[in-house]
């Protein structure tokens, strides 16, 4: 069976990689294609992602307008139709699986007369936009909130399948925290914080990072910082750390940009502070690392804060005072992480079955 997975940037690429890992083998040929690239839409989104996540609520709300969805769908259909028809002609699939809403206006129309079977992964667990749903495809999502939104759009329940959250298998592997810290040049025994700005490098944790540099000593803790693809953020952190190092001994620091070894960086940490993107949250769950949400993209990721609270996956701390309080508590009493790890373990078992559910649904 030939399976075409349509990917995009940001977390959609991680979701596509998880789907590909689940569907490979058993005679399947799987091809992952980003047929969109770094276009004007992603450049605008990146601006909100890095600097103004609170203002994204208004563009997000526009997706609730049925009139706008129709208008936008027509424009995207005429813009992309020929290009994607050529893609299908070059590699005719038996199954098409989308991971990003921009594909839907074209493939929803093509699917009406196509021989391939059609599936759509909805990439937000709690508050998905109506734009993320397909009427003709079998939509796949995390849980009841995904189904409820789909039913409101008039999609039959048979085309709304809950599978949990697809997570790449490497995040479920178990690593020695001490060995991973040594590999990064860190103390294998010291409490370790991972601060992650997501794939594009949100700046939401900068104030907390400055607090670590100027408040804590090398003996107190150590830091792993992932700046994503944001080179300006990477340079700013590096310069700030050097400045702090001239007058004191700040905590040890391992600093990197976008990393393809996030599972090992998480394994080296005790707790993850980051932007509340769904992939990062569920990857931390798979590694059983408590998650602290320091920022989120409003509208799109509002439900992810509810997700953290409902499933007891960590804490929501979007103001500096709360972040500082949590850091003090974790360093004084690391055992406060244990109940969170137990709750994560339950959800990780459920998400681990998502790959099996996807194979069963696509293989029918």
Foldseek 3Di string as FASTA:
>chain_A
DEEEEEAADFCRVQQSLLLCVLAPDPPYHYDYDDPPYCDPVNVVVLCCLAPNLVPCQVVLVVLVDPVVLVVLLVVLQVVCQVVVVVVCVVPPGQEYEYEDLSCQSRVLVVVVPDNHAYEYEQFAAAQTRPSRDHQRHQYEHADDNQQVVVVVVVHDSRSYHYQHGRGHPLLLDADQLLVLQVVLVHHSPFAEEEEEAGQSFHCLCVVVLLCQLQPAAQRQHAYEYERHPHVVVQVVSVVSNVVSVVPHHGHHYRYYYRDPPVSSVLNNHQAYEYALRPRVLLSNLSNLHAYEHQHYRPSRCPVSQVVCVVLVRHYYHNDPVVVVVVVVCCSVDVCVSVVNSVSSPVSNVSNVRSSVVSNVVSVD
